[in-house]
Amino acid sequence: MSRATVYRSFPGGRDELVSAAVTRAVVDFFAALDEDVGQAADVTTLLERGIVAGHRRLGDHATLQRALRDEADQIVPQLASVMPIVIELLRTELVRRLTDERLRPGVQPAEAADLLARLTLSFMGASGTWDLDDPAAVRRLVRGQLLSGVLADTPQP
């Protein structure tokens, strides 16, 4: 089957096909990530497991890596359009989790959850100087950086 035939299957052509493929890939990615994380007992464990698994899954996703290398101009805008939904879903889960935690005075669960959701996704995609393949490094990141200003009783790294 030719590309043109595939593109004509979507009313919006190639752009709609790319959008549908990216949306589906994001849904599949986070469903698999949810399985990787499992039943995390607390927000600390959720973030630690999520960052490790998300970073690994992104790095191992050959199709995504190839698409970003070869067609970034098509893929990045589509990912950007889906990310507000992803952030909102993660934020909602983090708000739920934070209500079960003892927070530092003045910390609002919704504000903290929004920041944590954005930082978590950011670290999954670009680790900076952190070795996200090292669970001890991720533990230090989550406990010493991400949650130290949020939780009243932040577990030590």
C-alpha atoms as a PDB file:
ATOM      1  CA  MET A   1       0.000   0.000   0.000  1.00  0.00           C
ATOM      2  CA  SER A   2       1.356   3.416  -0.859  1.00  0.00           C
ATOM      3  CA  ARG A   3       1.755   6.298   1.597  1.00  0.00           C
ATOM      4  CA  ALA A   4      -0.821   8.342  -0.265  1.00  0.00           C
ATOM      5  CA  THR A   5      -3.403   5.568   0.178  1.00  0.00           C
ATOM      6  CA  VAL A   6      -2.748   5.489   3.917  1.00  0.00           C
ATOM      7  CA  TYR A   7      -2.913   9.298   4.179  1.00  0.00           C
ATOM      8  CA  ARG A   8      -6.234   9.344   2.293  1.00  0.00           C
ATOM      9  CA  SER A   9      -7.671   7.002   4.944  1.00  0.00           C
ATOM     10  CA  PHE A  10      -7.642   9.954   7.322  1.00  0.00           C
ATOM     11  CA  PRO A  11      -9.845  12.978   6.475  1.00  0.00           C
ATOM     12  CA  GLY A  12      -7.057  15.353   7.546  1.00  0.00           C
ATOM     13  CA  GLY A  13      -4.423  13.445   5.593  1.00  0.00           C
ATOM     14  CA  ARG A  14      -0.888  13.023   6.876  1.00  0.00           C
ATOM     15  CA  ASP A  15      -1.288  15.548   9.715  1.00  0.00           C
ATOM     16  CA  GLU A  16      -4.276  13.703  11.136  1.00  0.00           C
ATOM     17  CA  LEU A  17      -2.491  10.364  10.780  1.00  0.00           C
ATOM     18  CA  VAL A  18       0.548  11.691  12.664  1.00  0.00           C
ATOM     19  CA  SER A  19      -1.710  13.157  15.353  1.00  0.00           C
ATOM     20  CA  ALA A  20      -3.590   9.879  15.776  1.00  0.00           C
ATOM     21  CA  ALA A  21      -0.372   7.862  15.890  1.00  0.00           C
ATOM     22  CA  VAL A  22       1.247  10.150  18.460  1.00  0.00           C
ATOM     23  CA  THR A  23      -1.860  10.196  20.646  1.00  0.00           C
ATOM     24  CA  ARG A  24      -2.084   6.408  20.538  1.00  0.00           C
ATOM     25  CA  ALA A  25       1.618   6.031  21.316  1.00  0.00           C
ATOM     26  CA  VAL A  26       1.313   8.361  24.328  1.00  0.00           C
ATOM     27  CA  VAL A  27      -1.684   6.408  25.658  1.00  0.00           C
ATOM     28  CA  ASP A  28       0.190   3.116  25.216  1.00  0.00           C
ATOM     29  CA  PHE A  29       3.344   4.557  26.808  1.00  0.00           C
ATOM     30  CA  PHE A  30       1.562   5.683  29.958  1.00  0.00           C
ATOM     31  CA  ALA A  31      -0.471   2.483  30.224  1.00  0.00           C
ATOM     32  CA  ALA A  32       2.768   0.488  30.171  1.00  0.00           C
ATOM     33  CA  LEU A  33       4.373   2.942  32.594  1.00  0.00           C
ATOM     34  CA  ASP A  34       1.447   2.458  34.968  1.00  0.00           C
ATOM     35  CA  GLU A  35       2.128  -1.289  34.897  1.00  0.00           C
ATOM     36  CA  ASP A  36       5.842  -0.666  35.523  1.00  0.00           C
ATOM     37  CA  VAL A  37       5.133   1.521  38.541  1.00  0.00           C
ATOM     38  CA  GLY A  38       2.568  -0.844  40.021  1.00  0.00           C
ATOM     39  CA  GLN A  39       0.966  -0.162  43.377  1.00  0.00           C
ATOM     40  CA  ALA A  40       3.223   2.497  44.865  1.00  0.00           C
ATOM     41  CA  ALA A  41       2.489   2.908  48.562  1.00  0.00           C
ATOM     42  CA  ASP A  42       3.243   6.634  48.652  1.00  0.00           C
ATOM     43  CA  VAL A  43       4.085   9.637  46.507  1.00  0.00           C
ATOM     44  CA  THR A  44       7.828   9.150  47.032  1.00  0.00           C
ATOM     45  CA  THR A  45       7.752   5.605  45.672  1.00  0.00           C
ATOM     46  CA  LEU A  46       5.445   6.639  42.824  1.00  0.00           C
ATOM     47  CA  LEU A  47       7.852   9.347  41.651  1.00  0.00           C
ATOM     48  CA  GLU A  48      10.962   7.203  42.044  1.00  0.00           C
ATOM     49  CA  ARG A  49       9.507   4.286  40.107  1.00  0.00           C
ATOM     50  CA  GLY A  50       7.866   6.549  37.534  1.00  0.00           C
ATOM     51  CA  ILE A  51      11.005   8.509  36.706  1.00  0.00           C
ATOM     52  CA  VAL A  52      13.168   5.380  36.368  1.00  0.00           C
ATOM     53  CA  ALA A  53      10.636   3.484  34.266  1.00  0.00           C
ATOM     54  CA  GLY A  54       9.638   6.490  32.150  1.00  0.00           C
ATOM     55  CA  HIS A  55      13.229   7.416  31.369  1.00  0.00           C
ATOM     56  CA  ARG A  56      14.023   3.808  30.436  1.00  0.00           C
ATOM     57  CA  ARG A  57      10.910   3.443  28.276  1.00  0.00           C
ATOM     58  CA  LEU A  58      11.624   6.678  26.393  1.00  0.00           C
ATOM     59  CA  GLY A  59      15.228   5.681  25.745  1.00  0.00           C
ATOM     60  CA  ASP A  60      14.231   2.174  24.632  1.00  0.00           C
ATOM     61  CA  HIS A  61      11.382   3.331  22.372  1.00  0.00           C
ATOM     62  CA  ALA A  62      13.055   2.814  18.995  1.00  0.00           C
ATOM     63  CA  THR A  63      10.143   4.158  16.942  1.00  0.00           C
ATOM     64  CA  LEU A  64       9.936   7.350  18.962  1.00  0.00           C
ATOM     65  CA  GLN A  65      13.687   7.890  18.858  1.00  0.00           C
ATOM     66  CA  ARG A  66      13.713   7.401  15.078  1.00  0.00           C
ATOM     67  CA  ALA A  67      10.724   9.709  14.602  1.00  0.00           C
ATOM     68  CA  LEU A  68      12.335  12.400  16.753  1.00  0.00           C
ATOM     69  CA  ARG A  69      15.561  12.065  14.795  1.00  0.00           C
ATOM     70  CA  ASP A  70      14.012  11.960  11.316  1.00  0.00           C
ATOM     71  CA  GLU A  71      10.749  13.897  11.650  1.00  0.00           C
ATOM     72  CA  ALA A  72      11.027  16.065  14.754  1.00  0.00           C
ATOM     73  CA  ASP A  73       9.208  18.900  12.985  1.00  0.00           C
ATOM     74  CA  GLN A  74       6.122  16.666  12.729  1.00  0.00           C
ATOM     75  CA  ILE A  75       6.369  14.780  16.034  1.00  0.00           C
ATOM     76  CA  VAL A  76       7.315  17.485  18.545  1.00  0.00           C
ATOM     77  CA  PRO A  77       4.265  19.719  17.890  1.00  0.00           C
ATOM     78  CA  GLN A  78       1.981  16.696  18.191  1.00  0.00           C
ATOM     79  CA  LEU A  79       3.608  15.663  21.462  1.00  0.00           C
ATOM     80  CA  ALA A  80       3.277  19.232  22.704  1.00  0.00           C
ATOM     81  CA  SER A  81      -0.446  19.196  21.949  1.00  0.00           C
ATOM     82  CA  VAL A  82      -0.964  16.003  23.979  1.00  0.00           C
ATOM     83  CA  MET A  83       1.213  16.965  26.949  1.00  0.00           C
ATOM     84  CA  PRO A  84      -1.337  19.226  28.708  1.00  0.00           C
ATOM     85  CA  ILE A  85      -3.624  16.199  28.997  1.00  0.00           C
ATOM     86  CA  VAL A  86      -0.782  14.062  30.324  1.00  0.00           C
ATOM     87  CA  ILE A  87       0.206  16.743  32.838  1.00  0.00           C
ATOM     88  CA  GLU A  88      -3.384  17.063  34.023  1.00  0.00           C
ATOM     89  CA  LEU A  89      -3.757  13.302  34.523  1.00  0.00           C
ATOM     90  CA  LEU A  90      -0.488  13.086  36.436  1.00  0.00           C
ATOM     91  CA  ARG A  91      -1.333  16.214  38.417  1.00  0.00           C
ATOM     92  CA  THR A  92      -4.689  14.735  39.435  1.00  0.00           C
ATOM     93  CA  GLU A  93      -3.025  11.541  40.667  1.00  0.00           C
ATOM     94  CA  LEU A  94      -0.389  13.533  42.560  1.00  0.00           C
ATOM     95  CA  VAL A  95      -3.022  15.714  44.242  1.00  0.00           C
ATOM     96  CA  ARG A  96      -4.759  12.545  45.379  1.00  0.00           C
ATOM     97  CA  ARG A  97      -1.465  11.146  46.679  1.00  0.00           C
ATOM     98  CA  LEU A  98      -0.416  14.381  48.388  1.00  0.00           C
ATOM     99  CA  THR A  99      -3.645  14.556  50.381  1.00  0.00           C
ATOM    100  CA  ASP A 100      -2.456  11.386  52.157  1.00  0.00           C
ATOM    101  CA  GLU A 101       0.891  12.971  53.066  1.00  0.00           C
ATOM    102  CA  ARG A 102       1.918  15.443  55.746  1.00  0.00           C
ATOM    103  CA  LEU A 103       2.905  18.570  53.815  1.00  0.00           C
ATOM    104  CA  ARG A 104       5.140  21.442  54.846  1.00  0.00           C
ATOM    105  CA  PRO A 105       3.249  24.476  56.126  1.00  0.00           C
ATOM    106  CA  GLY A 106       1.860  26.583  53.300  1.00  0.00           C
ATOM    107  CA  VAL A 107       2.171  23.879  50.626  1.00  0.00           C
ATOM    108  CA  GLN A 108      -0.988  23.598  48.563  1.00  0.00           C
ATOM    109  CA  PRO A 109      -1.493  20.096  47.129  1.00  0.00           C
ATOM    110  CA  ALA A 110      -2.696  21.331  43.719  1.00  0.00           C
ATOM    111  CA  GLU A 111       0.246  23.696  43.234  1.00  0.00           C
ATOM    112  CA  ALA A 112       2.785  21.134  44.429  1.00  0.00           C
ATOM    113  CA  ALA A 113       1.220  18.439  42.239  1.00  0.00           C
ATOM    114  CA  ASP A 114       1.371  20.657  39.160  1.00  0.00           C
ATOM    115  CA  LEU A 115       5.044  21.420  39.709  1.00  0.00           C
ATOM    116  CA  LEU A 116       5.873  17.783  40.494  1.00  0.00           C
ATOM    117  CA  ALA A 117       4.015  16.564  37.383  1.00  0.00           C
ATOM    118  CA  ARG A 118       5.936  18.945  35.122  1.00  0.00           C
ATOM    119  CA  LEU A 119       9.301  18.191  36.724  1.00  0.00           C
ATOM    120  CA  THR A 120       8.722  14.441  36.621  1.00  0.00           C
ATOM    121  CA  LEU A 121       7.892  14.501  32.917  1.00  0.00           C
ATOM    122  CA  SER A 122      10.825  16.786  32.265  1.00  0.00           C
ATOM    123  CA  PHE A 123      13.277  14.470  34.010  1.00  0.00           C
ATOM    124  CA  MET A 124      11.890  11.450  32.148  1.00  0.00           C
ATOM    125  CA  GLY A 125      12.735  13.136  28.861  1.00  0.00           C
ATOM    126  CA  ALA A 126      15.967  14.913  29.768  1.00  0.00           C
ATOM    127  CA  SER A 127      17.862  13.697  32.802  1.00  0.00           C
ATOM    128  CA  GLY A 128      20.365  16.526  32.913  1.00  0.00           C
ATOM    129  CA  THR A 129      23.257  15.508  35.159  1.00  0.00           C
ATOM    130  CA  TRP A 130      21.231  12.839  36.989  1.00  0.00           C
ATOM    131  CA  ASP A 131      21.921   9.161  36.240  1.00  0.00           C
ATOM    132  CA  LEU A 132      18.335   7.932  36.017  1.00  0.00           C
ATOM    133  CA  ASP A 133      19.517   4.365  35.500  1.00  0.00           C
ATOM    134  CA  ASP A 134      20.858   4.427  39.066  1.00  0.00           C
ATOM    135  CA  PRO A 135      18.054   3.934  41.627  1.00  0.00           C
ATOM    136  CA  ALA A 136      20.163   5.593  44.342  1.00  0.00           C
ATOM    137  CA  ALA A 137      20.587   8.724  42.194  1.00  0.00           C
ATOM    138  CA  VAL A 138      16.848   8.816  41.488  1.00  0.00           C
ATOM    139  CA  ARG A 139      16.175   8.415  45.206  1.00  0.00           C
ATOM    140  CA  ARG A 140      18.416  11.437  45.900  1.00  0.00           C
ATOM    141  CA  LEU A 141      16.683  13.428  43.157  1.00  0.00           C
ATOM    142  CA  VAL A 142      13.161  12.668  44.358  1.00  0.00           C
ATOM    143  CA  ARG A 143      13.770  12.877  48.080  1.00  0.00           C
ATOM    144  CA  GLY A 144      16.447  15.560  48.177  1.00  0.00           C
ATOM    145  CA  GLN A 145      15.205  17.825  45.380  1.00  0.00           C
ATOM    146  CA  LEU A 146      11.631  17.236  44.261  1.00  0.00           C
ATOM    147  CA  LEU A 147       9.926  16.458  47.567  1.00  0.00           C
ATOM    148  CA  SER A 148      12.156  18.135  50.148  1.00  0.00           C
ATOM    149  CA  GLY A 149      10.183  21.378  49.938  1.00  0.00           C
ATOM    150  CA  VAL A 150       6.812  19.626  49.735  1.00  0.00           C
ATOM    151  CA  LEU A 151       6.673  16.887  52.369  1.00  0.00           C
ATOM    152  CA  ALA A 152       7.036  17.693  56.048  1.00  0.00           C
ATOM    153  CA  ASP A 153       8.727  14.354  56.648  1.00  0.00           C
ATOM    154  CA  THR A 154      10.723  13.755  53.487  1.00  0.00           C
ATOM    155  CA  PRO A 155      12.368  10.327  53.615  1.00  0.00           C
ATOM    156  CA  GLN A 156      16.131  10.639  53.525  1.00  0.00           C
ATOM    157  CA  PRO A 157      17.893   9.833  50.230  1.00  0.00           C
END
